Amino acid sequence: MTESLRDARPGATPSSIDYVAFAQSPRFLELKRRRNRFVIPLAVFFLVWYFGFVLVAAYAPAFMAIQVVGSVNLGVVLGLGQFVTTFAITMWYVSFSNKTLDPMGAALRAELEKMEQK
């Protein structure tokens, strides 16, 4: 027998929804698959980019000291690029989530709410 989180609260009425079965439904699995197909490659890219920057800064200071413009060196440019990349990935994820994940999640939530009313 599976228990929902609502069932664990004192005074809560038992739910007739099988959340484990719902989490294994094709539509829910598709939502997770789409999220993972977007998030995992971006996370890997960012971690490689971040640790690559740290390693180059630690072990190749002469490379990071290359002058780009005036007194601005490559280390500063790449360091600021870390911030730009972080904001760009965040904006890209928010856009993807708003267009793709949120509508799928809203449909699943509506389905659960209908099941709960029965």
PDB file of N, CA and C in Angstrom:
ATOM      1  N   MET A   1       0.849  -1.188   0.000  1.00  0.00           N
ATOM      2  CA  MET A   1       0.000   0.000   0.000  1.00  0.00           C
ATOM      3  C   MET A   1       0.887   1.240   0.000  1.00  0.00           C
ATOM      4  N   THR A   2       0.560   2.184  -0.860  1.00  0.00           N
ATOM      5  CA  THR A   2       1.343   3.418  -0.920  1.00  0.00           C
ATOM      6  C   THR A   2       0.613   4.515  -0.175  1.00  0.00           C
ATOM      7  N   GLU A   3       1.387   5.394   0.435  1.00  0.00           N
ATOM      8  CA  GLU A   3       0.817   6.534   1.141  1.00  0.00           C
ATOM      9  C   GLU A   3       1.234   7.806   0.458  1.00  0.00           C
ATOM     10  N   SER A   4       0.316   8.742   0.331  1.00  0.00           N
ATOM     11  CA  SER A   4       0.687  10.059  -0.196  1.00  0.00           C
ATOM     12  C   SER A   4       1.204  10.896   0.958  1.00  0.00           C
ATOM     13  N   LEU A   5       1.802  12.021   0.640  1.00  0.00           N
ATOM     14  CA  LEU A   5       2.279  12.920   1.687  1.00  0.00           C
ATOM     15  C   LEU A   5       1.113  13.439   2.517  1.00  0.00           C
ATOM     16  N   ARG A   6      -0.027  13.615   1.881  1.00  0.00           N
ATOM     17  CA  ARG A   6      -1.209  14.098   2.582  1.00  0.00           C
ATOM     18  C   ARG A   6      -1.638  13.096   3.654  1.00  0.00           C
ATOM     19  N   ASP A   7      -1.488  11.802   3.361  1.00  0.00           N
ATOM     20  CA  ASP A   7      -1.890  10.762   4.310  1.00  0.00           C
ATOM     21  C   ASP A   7      -1.019  10.781   5.561  1.00  0.00           C
ATOM     22  N   ALA A   8       0.201  11.267   5.446  1.00  0.00           N
ATOM     23  CA  ALA A   8       1.130  11.252   6.565  1.00  0.00           C
ATOM     24  C   ALA A   8       0.828  12.352   7.581  1.00  0.00           C
ATOM     25  N   ARG A   9       0.031  13.345   7.191  1.00  0.00           N
ATOM     26  CA  ARG A   9      -0.272  14.441   8.112  1.00  0.00           C
ATOM     27  C   ARG A   9      -1.366  14.023   9.096  1.00  0.00           C
ATOM     28  N   PRO A  10      -1.236  14.430  10.345  1.00  0.00           N
ATOM     29  CA  PRO A  10      -2.269  14.098  11.333  1.00  0.00           C
ATOM     30  C   PRO A  10      -3.625  14.688  10.930  1.00  0.00           C
ATOM     31  N   GLY A  11      -4.654  13.903  10.989  1.00  0.00           N
ATOM     32  CA  GLY A  11      -6.002  14.366  10.681  1.00  0.00           C
ATOM     33  C   GLY A  11      -6.331  14.389   9.203  1.00  0.00           C
ATOM     34  N   ALA A  12      -5.404  14.027   8.355  1.00  0.00           N
ATOM     35  CA  ALA A  12      -5.643  14.042   6.914  1.00  0.00           C
ATOM     36  C   ALA A  12      -6.439  12.809   6.511  1.00  0.00           C
ATOM     37  N   THR A  13      -7.271  13.013   5.511  1.00  0.00           N
ATOM     38  CA  THR A  13      -8.038  11.869   5.001  1.00  0.00           C
ATOM     39  C   THR A  13      -7.203  11.129   3.968  1.00  0.00           C
ATOM     40  N   PRO A  14      -7.331   9.822   3.932  1.00  0.00           N
ATOM     41  CA  PRO A  14      -6.557   9.052   2.967  1.00  0.00           C
ATOM     42  C   PRO A  14      -6.919   9.436   1.530  1.00  0.00           C
ATOM     43  N   SER A  15      -5.921   9.446   0.662  1.00  0.00           N
ATOM     44  CA  SER A  15      -6.125   9.775  -0.740  1.00  0.00           C
ATOM     45  C   SER A  15      -6.317   8.498  -1.530  1.00  0.00           C
ATOM     46  N   SER A  16      -7.192   8.566  -2.519  1.00  0.00           N
ATOM     47  CA  SER A  16      -7.416   7.393  -3.359  1.00  0.00           C
ATOM     48  C   SER A  16      -6.476   7.365  -4.559  1.00  0.00           C
ATOM     49  N   ILE A  17      -5.609   8.369  -4.673  1.00  0.00           N
ATOM     50  CA  ILE A  17      -4.706   8.455  -5.814  1.00  0.00           C
ATOM     51  C   ILE A  17      -3.474   7.597  -5.553  1.00  0.00           C
ATOM     52  N   ASP A  18      -3.112   6.799  -6.526  1.00  0.00           N
ATOM     53  CA  ASP A  18      -1.897   5.994  -6.455  1.00  0.00           C
ATOM     54  C   ASP A  18      -0.770   6.821  -7.088  1.00  0.00           C
ATOM     55  N   TYR A  19      -0.062   7.573  -6.248  1.00  0.00           N
ATOM     56  CA  TYR A  19       0.969   8.477  -6.743  1.00  0.00           C
ATOM     57  C   TYR A  19       2.150   7.731  -7.357  1.00  0.00           C
ATOM     58  N   VAL A  20       2.436   6.551  -6.865  1.00  0.00           N
ATOM     59  CA  VAL A  20       3.533   5.769  -7.434  1.00  0.00           C
ATOM     60  C   VAL A  20       3.190   5.378  -8.868  1.00  0.00           C
ATOM     61  N   ALA A  21       1.971   4.917  -9.084  1.00  0.00           N
ATOM     62  CA  ALA A  21       1.544   4.550 -10.438  1.00  0.00           C
ATOM     63  C   ALA A  21       1.508   5.791 -11.329  1.00  0.00           C
ATOM     64  N   PHE A  22       1.062   6.923 -10.783  1.00  0.00           N
ATOM     65  CA  PHE A  22       1.005   8.156 -11.566  1.00  0.00           C
ATOM     66  C   PHE A  22       2.410   8.590 -11.979  1.00  0.00           C
ATOM     67  N   ALA A  23       3.380   8.436 -11.065  1.00  0.00           N
ATOM     68  CA  ALA A  23       4.760   8.809 -11.368  1.00  0.00           C
ATOM     69  C   ALA A  23       5.373   7.902 -12.428  1.00  0.00           C
ATOM     70  N   GLN A  24       4.767   6.759 -12.682  1.00  0.00           N
ATOM     71  CA  GLN A  24       5.253   5.834 -13.707  1.00  0.00           C
ATOM     72  C   GLN A  24       4.426   5.908 -14.988  1.00  0.00           C
ATOM     73  N   SER A  25       3.493   6.856 -15.030  1.00  0.00           N
ATOM     74  CA  SER A  25       2.649   7.003 -16.220  1.00  0.00           C
ATOM     75  C   SER A  25       3.469   7.576 -17.375  1.00  0.00           C
ATOM     76  N   PRO A  26       3.091   7.258 -18.612  1.00  0.00           N
ATOM     77  CA  PRO A  26       3.854   7.743 -19.774  1.00  0.00           C
ATOM     78  C   PRO A  26       3.972   9.266 -19.835  1.00  0.00           C
ATOM     79  N   ARG A  27       2.914   9.982 -19.485  1.00  0.00           N
ATOM     80  CA  ARG A  27       2.963  11.444 -19.566  1.00  0.00           C
ATOM     81  C   ARG A  27       3.916  12.036 -18.532  1.00  0.00           C
ATOM     82  N   PHE A  28       3.919  11.485 -17.322  1.00  0.00           N
ATOM     83  CA  PHE A  28       4.833  11.969 -16.287  1.00  0.00           C
ATOM     84  C   PHE A  28       6.279  11.629 -16.649  1.00  0.00           C
ATOM     85  N   LEU A  29       6.495  10.422 -17.149  1.00  0.00           N
ATOM     86  CA  LEU A  29       7.834  10.017 -17.568  1.00  0.00           C
ATOM     87  C   LEU A  29       8.335  10.868 -18.733  1.00  0.00           C
ATOM     88  N   GLU A  30       7.423  11.257 -19.623  1.00  0.00           N
ATOM     89  CA  GLU A  30       7.802  12.142 -20.733  1.00  0.00           C
ATOM     90  C   GLU A  30       8.241  13.509 -20.209  1.00  0.00           C
ATOM     91  N   LEU A  31       7.547  14.024 -19.213  1.00  0.00           N
ATOM     92  CA  LEU A  31       7.931  15.299 -18.589  1.00  0.00           C
ATOM     93  C   LEU A  31       9.340  15.195 -18.006  1.00  0.00           C
ATOM     94  N   LYS A  32       9.608  14.123 -17.274  1.00  0.00           N
ATOM     95  CA  LYS A  32      10.934  13.931 -16.699  1.00  0.00           C
ATOM     96  C   LYS A  32      11.995  13.762 -17.785  1.00  0.00           C
ATOM     97  N   ARG A  33      11.661  13.022 -18.844  1.00  0.00           N
ATOM     98  CA  ARG A  33      12.606  12.797 -19.930  1.00  0.00           C
ATOM     99  C   ARG A  33      12.965  14.109 -20.617  1.00  0.00           C
ATOM    100  N   ARG A  34      11.970  14.943 -20.889  1.00  0.00           N
ATOM    101  CA  ARG A  34      12.245  16.237 -21.536  1.00  0.00           C
ATOM    102  C   ARG A  34      13.079  17.143 -20.658  1.00  0.00           C
ATOM    103  N   ARG A  35      12.770  17.162 -19.368  1.00  0.00           N
ATOM    104  CA  ARG A  35      13.559  17.983 -18.443  1.00  0.00           C
ATOM    105  C   ARG A  35      15.010  17.493 -18.415  1.00  0.00           C
ATOM    106  N   ASN A  36      15.185  16.190 -18.288  1.00  0.00           N
ATOM    107  CA  ASN A  36      16.536  15.637 -18.215  1.00  0.00           C
ATOM    108  C   ASN A  36      17.319  15.846 -19.511  1.00  0.00           C
ATOM    109  N   ARG A  37      16.644  15.734 -20.661  1.00  0.00           N
ATOM    110  CA  ARG A  37      17.322  15.942 -21.946  1.00  0.00           C
ATOM    111  C   ARG A  37      17.817  17.375 -22.087  1.00  0.00           C
ATOM    112  N   PHE A  38      17.173  18.299 -21.401  1.00  0.00           N
ATOM    113  CA  PHE A  38      17.605  19.696 -21.437  1.00  0.00           C
ATOM    114  C   PHE A  38      18.647  19.980 -20.353  1.00  0.00           C
ATOM    115  N   VAL A  39      18.370  19.544 -19.134  1.00  0.00           N
ATOM    116  CA  VAL A  39      19.180  19.920 -17.976  1.00  0.00           C
ATOM    117  C   VAL A  39      20.534  19.209 -17.943  1.00  0.00           C
ATOM    118  N   ILE A  40      20.562  17.920 -18.194  1.00  0.00           N
ATOM    119  CA  ILE A  40      21.810  17.168 -18.024  1.00  0.00           C
ATOM    120  C   ILE A  40      22.913  17.646 -18.971  1.00  0.00           C
ATOM    121  N   PRO A  41      22.662  17.782 -20.283  1.00  0.00           N
ATOM    122  CA  PRO A  41      23.743  18.283 -21.144  1.00  0.00           C
ATOM    123  C   PRO A  41      24.212  19.689 -20.765  1.00  0.00           C
ATOM    124  N   LEU A  42      23.274  20.555 -20.380  1.00  0.00           N
ATOM    125  CA  LEU A  42      23.682  21.908 -19.978  1.00  0.00           C
ATOM    126  C   LEU A  42      24.487  21.894 -18.687  1.00  0.00           C
ATOM    127  N   ALA A  43      24.095  21.042 -17.757  1.00  0.00           N
ATOM    128  CA  ALA A  43      24.846  20.938 -16.501  1.00  0.00           C
ATOM    129  C   ALA A  43      26.259  20.416 -16.766  1.00  0.00           C
ATOM    130  N   VAL A  44      26.376  19.409 -17.620  1.00  0.00           N
ATOM    131  CA  VAL A  44      27.702  18.875 -17.965  1.00  0.00           C
ATOM    132  C   VAL A  44      28.537  19.953 -18.644  1.00  0.00           C
ATOM    133  N   PHE A  45      27.942  20.647 -19.621  1.00  0.00           N
ATOM    134  CA  PHE A  45      28.651  21.734 -20.304  1.00  0.00           C
ATOM    135  C   PHE A  45      29.148  22.768 -19.306  1.00  0.00           C
ATOM    136  N   PHE A  46      28.252  23.211 -18.413  1.00  0.00           N
ATOM    137  CA  PHE A  46      28.641  24.258 -17.481  1.00  0.00           C
ATOM    138  C   PHE A  46      29.730  23.790 -16.529  1.00  0.00           C
ATOM    139  N   LEU A  47      29.632  22.562 -16.028  1.00  0.00           N
ATOM    140  CA  LEU A  47      30.653  22.067 -15.108  1.00  0.00           C
ATOM    141  C   LEU A  47      32.016  21.936 -15.789  1.00  0.00           C
ATOM    142  N   VAL A  48      32.011  21.472 -17.036  1.00  0.00           N
ATOM    143  CA  VAL A  48      33.278  21.393 -17.779  1.00  0.00           C
ATOM    144  C   VAL A  48      33.848  22.794 -17.989  1.00  0.00           C
ATOM    145  N   TRP A  49      32.994  23.721 -18.374  1.00  0.00           N
ATOM    146  CA  TRP A  49      33.413  25.109 -18.588  1.00  0.00           C
ATOM    147  C   TRP A  49      33.938  25.716 -17.286  1.00  0.00           C
ATOM    148  N   TYR A  50      33.225  25.504 -16.185  1.00  0.00           N
ATOM    149  CA  TYR A  50      33.632  26.080 -14.903  1.00  0.00           C
ATOM    150  C   TYR A  50      34.952  25.485 -14.419  1.00  0.00           C
ATOM    151  N   PHE A  51      35.031  24.150 -14.358  1.00  0.00           N
ATOM    152  CA  PHE A  51      36.252  23.527 -13.859  1.00  0.00           C
ATOM    153  C   PHE A  51      37.417  23.722 -14.831  1.00  0.00           C
ATOM    154  N   GLY A  52      37.113  23.804 -16.116  1.00  0.00           N
ATOM    155  CA  GLY A  52      38.154  24.120 -17.091  1.00  0.00           C
ATOM    156  C   GLY A  52      38.756  25.484 -16.801  1.00  0.00           C
ATOM    157  N   PHE A  53      37.898  26.453 -16.521  1.00  0.00           N
ATOM    158  CA  PHE A  53      38.365  27.798 -16.173  1.00  0.00           C
ATOM    159  C   PHE A  53      39.235  27.766 -14.922  1.00  0.00           C
ATOM    160  N   VAL A  54      38.772  27.059 -13.904  1.00  0.00           N
ATOM    161  CA  VAL A  54      39.523  26.983 -12.646  1.00  0.00           C
ATOM    162  C   VAL A  54      40.879  26.312 -12.878  1.00  0.00           C
ATOM    163  N   LEU A  55      40.894  25.222 -13.620  1.00  0.00           N
ATOM    164  CA  LEU A  55      42.154  24.518 -13.880  1.00  0.00           C
ATOM    165  C   LEU A  55      43.127  25.358 -14.700  1.00  0.00           C
ATOM    166  N   VAL A  56      42.613  26.028 -15.716  1.00  0.00           N
ATOM    167  CA  VAL A  56      43.486  26.889 -16.521  1.00  0.00           C
ATOM    168  C   VAL A  56      44.018  28.039 -15.662  1.00  0.00           C
ATOM    169  N   ALA A  57      43.160  28.614 -14.818  1.00  0.00           N
ATOM    170  CA  ALA A  57      43.608  29.703 -13.947  1.00  0.00           C
ATOM    171  C   ALA A  57      44.680  29.217 -12.972  1.00  0.00           C
ATOM    172  N   ALA A  58      44.546  27.979 -12.498  1.00  0.00           N
ATOM    173  CA  ALA A  58      45.501  27.458 -11.525  1.00  0.00           C
ATOM    174  C   ALA A  58      46.814  27.004 -12.164  1.00  0.00           C
ATOM    175  N   TYR A  59      46.723  26.376 -13.341  1.00  0.00           N
ATOM    176  CA  TYR A  59      47.907  25.742 -13.915  1.00  0.00           C
ATOM    177  C   TYR A  59      48.475  26.435 -15.149  1.00  0.00           C
ATOM    178  N   ALA A  60      47.803  27.442 -15.664  1.00  0.00           N
ATOM    179  CA  ALA A  60      48.325  28.164 -16.832  1.00  0.00           C
ATOM    180  C   ALA A  60      48.160  29.668 -16.648  1.00  0.00           C
ATOM    181  N   PRO A  61      48.783  30.220 -15.609  1.00  0.00           N
ATOM    182  CA  PRO A  61      48.616  31.655 -15.352  1.00  0.00           C
ATOM    183  C   PRO A  61      49.151  32.532 -16.496  1.00  0.00           C
ATOM    184  N   ALA A  62      50.134  32.042 -17.201  1.00  0.00           N
ATOM    185  CA  ALA A  62      50.664  32.826 -18.321  1.00  0.00           C
ATOM    186  C   ALA A  62      49.611  32.963 -19.425  1.00  0.00           C
ATOM    187  N   PHE A  63      48.836  31.896 -19.634  1.00  0.00           N
ATOM    188  CA  PHE A  63      47.763  31.945 -20.629  1.00  0.00           C
ATOM    189  C   PHE A  63      46.685  32.941 -20.199  1.00  0.00           C
ATOM    190  N   MET A  64      46.334  32.918 -18.935  1.00  0.00           N
ATOM    191  CA  MET A  64      45.307  33.823 -18.428  1.00  0.00           C
ATOM    192  C   MET A  64      45.787  35.278 -18.424  1.00  0.00           C
ATOM    193  N   ALA A  65      47.097  35.488 -18.415  1.00  0.00           N
ATOM    194  CA  ALA A  65      47.657  36.842 -18.374  1.00  0.00           C
ATOM    195  C   ALA A  65      47.761  37.490 -19.750  1.00  0.00           C
ATOM    196  N   ILE A  66      47.383  36.783 -20.794  1.00  0.00           N
ATOM    197  CA  ILE A  66      47.439  37.361 -22.147  1.00  0.00           C
ATOM    198  C   ILE A  66      46.548  38.595 -22.203  1.00  0.00           C
ATOM    199  N   GLN A  67      47.128  39.705 -22.654  1.00  0.00           N
ATOM    200  CA  GLN A  67      46.387  40.960 -22.749  1.00  0.00           C
ATOM    201  C   GLN A  67      45.384  40.892 -23.903  1.00  0.00           C
ATOM    202  N   VAL A  68      44.166  41.297 -23.655  1.00  0.00           N
ATOM    203  CA  VAL A  68      43.129  41.308 -24.693  1.00  0.00           C
ATOM    204  C   VAL A  68      42.941  42.729 -25.202  1.00  0.00           C
ATOM    205  N   VAL A  69      42.589  43.634 -24.300  1.00  0.00           N
ATOM    206  CA  VAL A  69      42.401  45.037 -24.647  1.00  0.00           C
ATOM    207  C   VAL A  69      42.938  45.861 -23.487  1.00  0.00           C
ATOM    208  N   GLY A  70      43.908  46.675 -23.752  1.00  0.00           N
ATOM    209  CA  GLY A  70      44.471  47.518 -22.700  1.00  0.00           C
ATOM    210  C   GLY A  70      45.018  46.668 -21.567  1.00  0.00           C
ATOM    211  N   SER A  71      44.547  46.936 -20.364  1.00  0.00           N
ATOM    212  CA  SER A  71      45.016  46.159 -19.215  1.00  0.00           C
ATOM    213  C   SER A  71      44.088  44.990 -18.888  1.00  0.00           C
ATOM    214  N   VAL A  72      43.115  44.731 -19.727  1.00  0.00           N
ATOM    215  CA  VAL A  72      42.189  43.606 -19.522  1.00  0.00           C
ATOM    216  C   VAL A  72      42.830  42.353 -20.102  1.00  0.00           C
ATOM    217  N   ASN A  73      42.979  41.339 -19.252  1.00  0.00           N
ATOM    218  CA  ASN A  73      43.601  40.110 -19.725  1.00  0.00           C
ATOM    219  C   ASN A  73      42.558  39.009 -19.965  1.00  0.00           C
ATOM    220  N   LEU A  74      43.020  37.909 -20.503  1.00  0.00           N
ATOM    221  CA  LEU A  74      42.140  36.803 -20.847  1.00  0.00           C
ATOM    222  C   LEU A  74      41.448  36.217 -19.620  1.00  0.00           C
ATOM    223  N   GLY A  75      42.131  36.210 -18.490  1.00  0.00           N
ATOM    224  CA  GLY A  75      41.531  35.697 -17.246  1.00  0.00           C
ATOM    225  C   GLY A  75      40.291  36.482 -16.848  1.00  0.00           C
ATOM    226  N   VAL A  76      40.362  37.797 -16.975  1.00  0.00           N
ATOM    227  CA  VAL A  76      39.213  38.641 -16.639  1.00  0.00           C
ATOM    228  C   VAL A  76      38.058  38.372 -17.611  1.00  0.00           C
ATOM    229  N   VAL A  77      38.381  38.283 -18.893  1.00  0.00           N
ATOM    230  CA  VAL A  77      37.347  38.035 -19.903  1.00  0.00           C
ATOM    231  C   VAL A  77      36.675  36.688 -19.652  1.00  0.00           C
ATOM    232  N   LEU A  78      37.476  35.640 -19.429  1.00  0.00           N
ATOM    233  CA  LEU A  78      36.905  34.315 -19.181  1.00  0.00           C
ATOM    234  C   LEU A  78      36.149  34.266 -17.852  1.00  0.00           C
ATOM    235  N   GLY A  79      36.646  34.973 -16.852  1.00  0.00           N
ATOM    236  CA  GLY A  79      35.950  35.036 -15.562  1.00  0.00           C
ATOM    237  C   GLY A  79      34.592  35.698 -15.691  1.00  0.00           C
ATOM    238  N   LEU A  80      34.530  36.807 -16.421  1.00  0.00           N
ATOM    239  CA  LEU A  80      33.249  37.471 -16.647  1.00  0.00           C
ATOM    240  C   LEU A  80      32.345  36.595 -17.517  1.00  0.00           C
ATOM    241  N   GLY A  81      32.980  35.821 -18.406  1.00  0.00           N
ATOM    242  CA  GLY A  81      32.215  34.877 -19.224  1.00  0.00           C
ATOM    243  C   GLY A  81      31.488  33.838 -18.383  1.00  0.00           C
ATOM    244  N   GLN A  82      32.037  33.528 -17.211  1.00  0.00           N
ATOM    245  CA  GLN A  82      31.348  32.601 -16.300  1.00  0.00           C
ATOM    246  C   GLN A  82      30.001  33.180 -15.858  1.00  0.00           C
ATOM    247  N   PHE A  83      29.993  34.466 -15.536  1.00  0.00           N
ATOM    248  CA  PHE A  83      28.746  35.113 -15.135  1.00  0.00           C
ATOM    249  C   PHE A  83      27.758  35.169 -16.301  1.00  0.00           C
ATOM    250  N   VAL A  84      28.254  35.542 -17.459  1.00  0.00           N
ATOM    251  CA  VAL A  84      27.398  35.625 -18.647  1.00  0.00           C
ATOM    252  C   VAL A  84      26.790  34.254 -18.951  1.00  0.00           C
ATOM    253  N   THR A  85      27.613  33.220 -18.888  1.00  0.00           N
ATOM    254  CA  THR A  85      27.131  31.865 -19.151  1.00  0.00           C
ATOM    255  C   THR A  85      26.064  31.452 -18.138  1.00  0.00           C
ATOM    256  N   THR A  86      26.289  31.757 -16.883  1.00  0.00           N
ATOM    257  CA  THR A  86      25.313  31.409 -15.844  1.00  0.00           C
ATOM    258  C   THR A  86      23.967  32.070 -16.108  1.00  0.00           C
ATOM    259  N   PHE A  87      23.978  33.353 -16.410  1.00  0.00           N
ATOM    260  CA  PHE A  87      22.722  34.054 -16.678  1.00  0.00           C
ATOM    261  C   PHE A  87      22.071  33.550 -17.963  1.00  0.00           C
ATOM    262  N   ALA A  88      22.863  33.276 -18.989  1.00  0.00           N
ATOM    263  CA  ALA A  88      22.313  32.781 -20.257  1.00  0.00           C
ATOM    264  C   ALA A  88      21.658  31.416 -20.074  1.00  0.00           C
ATOM    265  N   ILE A  89      22.323  30.516 -19.336  1.00  0.00           N
ATOM    266  CA  ILE A  89      21.745  29.191 -19.089  1.00  0.00           C
ATOM    267  C   ILE A  89      20.457  29.319 -18.286  1.00  0.00           C
ATOM    268  N   THR A  90      20.462  30.196 -17.301  1.00  0.00           N
ATOM    269  CA  THR A  90      19.259  30.396 -16.483  1.00  0.00           C
ATOM    270  C   THR A  90      18.102  30.915 -17.330  1.00  0.00           C
ATOM    271  N   MET A  91      18.364  31.912 -18.159  1.00  0.00           N
ATOM    272  CA  MET A  91      17.297  32.459 -19.010  1.00  0.00           C
ATOM    273  C   MET A  91      16.810  31.415 -20.013  1.00  0.00           C
ATOM    274  N   TRP A  92      17.729  30.625 -20.555  1.00  0.00           N
ATOM    275  CA  TRP A  92      17.360  29.580 -21.508  1.00  0.00           C
ATOM    276  C   TRP A  92      16.487  28.524 -20.830  1.00  0.00           C
ATOM    277  N   TYR A  93      16.865  28.119 -19.600  1.00  0.00           N
ATOM    278  CA  TYR A  93      16.062  27.133 -18.879  1.00  0.00           C
ATOM    279  C   TYR A  93      14.676  27.681 -18.545  1.00  0.00           C
ATOM    280  N   VAL A  94      14.603  28.911 -18.081  1.00  0.00           N
ATOM    281  CA  VAL A  94      13.300  29.511 -17.746  1.00  0.00           C
ATOM    282  C   VAL A  94      12.417  29.552 -18.993  1.00  0.00           C
ATOM    283  N   SER A  95      12.968  29.946 -20.119  1.00  0.00           N
ATOM    284  CA  SER A  95      12.202  29.980 -21.366  1.00  0.00           C
ATOM    285  C   SER A  95      11.729  28.584 -21.756  1.00  0.00           C
ATOM    286  N   PHE A  96      12.632  27.604 -21.694  1.00  0.00           N
ATOM    287  CA  PHE A  96      12.283  26.223 -22.016  1.00  0.00           C
ATOM    288  C   PHE A  96      11.200  25.705 -21.078  1.00  0.00           C
ATOM    289  N   SER A  97      11.357  25.990 -19.801  1.00  0.00           N
ATOM    290  CA  SER A  97      10.384  25.529 -18.819  1.00  0.00           C
ATOM    291  C   SER A  97       9.018  26.173 -19.054  1.00  0.00           C
ATOM    292  N   ASN A  98       9.002  27.479 -19.299  1.00  0.00           N
ATOM    293  CA  ASN A  98       7.736  28.166 -19.536  1.00  0.00           C
ATOM    294  C   ASN A  98       7.010  27.622 -20.766  1.00  0.00           C
ATOM    295  N   LYS A  99       7.768  27.321 -21.824  1.00  0.00           N
ATOM    296  CA  LYS A  99       7.160  26.873 -23.075  1.00  0.00           C
ATOM    297  C   LYS A  99       6.831  25.380 -23.087  1.00  0.00           C
ATOM    298  N   THR A 100       7.642  24.562 -22.434  1.00  0.00           N
ATOM    299  CA  THR A 100       7.513  23.115 -22.563  1.00  0.00           C
ATOM    300  C   THR A 100       7.110  22.418 -21.272  1.00  0.00           C
ATOM    301  N   LEU A 101       7.873  22.616 -20.221  1.00  0.00           N
ATOM    302  CA  LEU A 101       7.651  21.854 -18.995  1.00  0.00           C
ATOM    303  C   LEU A 101       6.427  22.314 -18.217  1.00  0.00           C
ATOM    304  N   ASP A 102       6.238  23.615 -18.102  1.00  0.00           N
ATOM    305  CA  ASP A 102       5.120  24.120 -17.308  1.00  0.00           C
ATOM    306  C   ASP A 102       3.756  23.702 -17.863  1.00  0.00           C
ATOM    307  N   PRO A 103       3.524  23.781 -19.184  1.00  0.00           N
ATOM    308  CA  PRO A 103       2.237  23.303 -19.691  1.00  0.00           C
ATOM    309  C   PRO A 103       2.018  21.800 -19.443  1.00  0.00           C
ATOM    310  N   MET A 104       3.083  21.020 -19.587  1.00  0.00           N
ATOM    311  CA  MET A 104       2.962  19.582 -19.317  1.00  0.00           C
ATOM    312  C   MET A 104       2.657  19.340 -17.841  1.00  0.00           C
ATOM    313  N   GLY A 105       3.353  20.068 -16.967  1.00  0.00           N
ATOM    314  CA  GLY A 105       3.118  19.943 -15.533  1.00  0.00           C
ATOM    315  C   GLY A 105       1.719  20.394 -15.137  1.00  0.00           C
ATOM    316  N   ALA A 106       1.229  21.457 -15.770  1.00  0.00           N
ATOM    317  CA  ALA A 106      -0.123  21.941 -15.467  1.00  0.00           C
ATOM    318  C   ALA A 106      -1.175  20.911 -15.879  1.00  0.00           C
ATOM    319  N   ALA A 107      -0.957  20.266 -17.018  1.00  0.00           N
ATOM    320  CA  ALA A 107      -1.892  19.229 -17.465  1.00  0.00           C
ATOM    321  C   ALA A 107      -1.881  18.048 -16.495  1.00  0.00           C
ATOM    322  N   LEU A 108      -0.712  17.657 -16.039  1.00  0.00           N
ATOM    323  CA  LEU A 108      -0.625  16.560 -15.075  1.00  0.00           C
ATOM    324  C   LEU A 108      -1.274  16.945 -13.745  1.00  0.00           C
ATOM    325  N   ARG A 109      -1.070  18.176 -13.333  1.00  0.00           N
ATOM    326  CA  ARG A 109      -1.690  18.624 -12.080  1.00  0.00           C
ATOM    327  C   ARG A 109      -3.213  18.624 -12.194  1.00  0.00           C
ATOM    328  N   ALA A 110      -3.722  19.097 -13.341  1.00  0.00           N
ATOM    329  CA  ALA A 110      -5.178  19.092 -13.553  1.00  0.00           C
ATOM    330  C   ALA A 110      -5.713  17.669 -13.517  1.00  0.00           C
ATOM    331  N   GLU A 111      -4.971  16.745 -14.088  1.00  0.00           N
ATOM    332  CA  GLU A 111      -5.384  15.335 -14.065  1.00  0.00           C
ATOM    333  C   GLU A 111      -5.437  14.815 -12.635  1.00  0.00           C
ATOM    334  N   LEU A 112      -4.431  15.145 -11.842  1.00  0.00           N
ATOM    335  CA  LEU A 112      -4.430  14.725 -10.439  1.00  0.00           C
ATOM    336  C   LEU A 112      -5.567  15.352  -9.648  1.00  0.00           C
ATOM    337  N   GLU A 113      -5.859  16.625  -9.931  1.00  0.00           N
ATOM    338  CA  GLU A 113      -6.955  17.290  -9.226  1.00  0.00           C
ATOM    339  C   GLU A 113      -8.296  16.650  -9.565  1.00  0.00           C
ATOM    340  N   LYS A 114      -8.479  16.248 -10.824  1.00  0.00           N
ATOM    341  CA  LYS A 114      -9.699  15.547 -11.213  1.00  0.00           C
ATOM    342  C   LYS A 114      -9.790  14.213 -10.496  1.00  0.00           C
ATOM    343  N   MET A 115      -8.674  13.519 -10.396  1.00  0.00           N
ATOM    344  CA  MET A 115      -8.659  12.225  -9.713  1.00  0.00           C
ATOM    345  C   MET A 115      -8.979  12.391  -8.236  1.00  0.00           C
ATOM    346  N   GLU A 116      -8.516  13.474  -7.656  1.00  0.00           N
ATOM    347  CA  GLU A 116      -8.739  13.732  -6.231  1.00  0.00           C
ATOM    348  C   GLU A 116     -10.208  14.049  -5.932  1.00  0.00           C
ATOM    349  N   GLN A 117     -10.881  14.685  -6.881  1.00  0.00           N
ATOM    350  CA  GLN A 117     -12.280  15.057  -6.691  1.00  0.00           C
ATOM    351  C   GLN A 117     -13.222  13.856  -6.771  1.00  0.00           C
ATOM    352  N   LYS A 118     -12.775  12.796  -7.410  1.00  0.00           N
ATOM    353  CA  LYS A 118     -13.633  11.620  -7.569  1.00  0.00           C
ATOM    354  C   LYS A 118     -13.781  10.850  -6.284  1.00  0.00           C
TER     355      LYS A 118
END
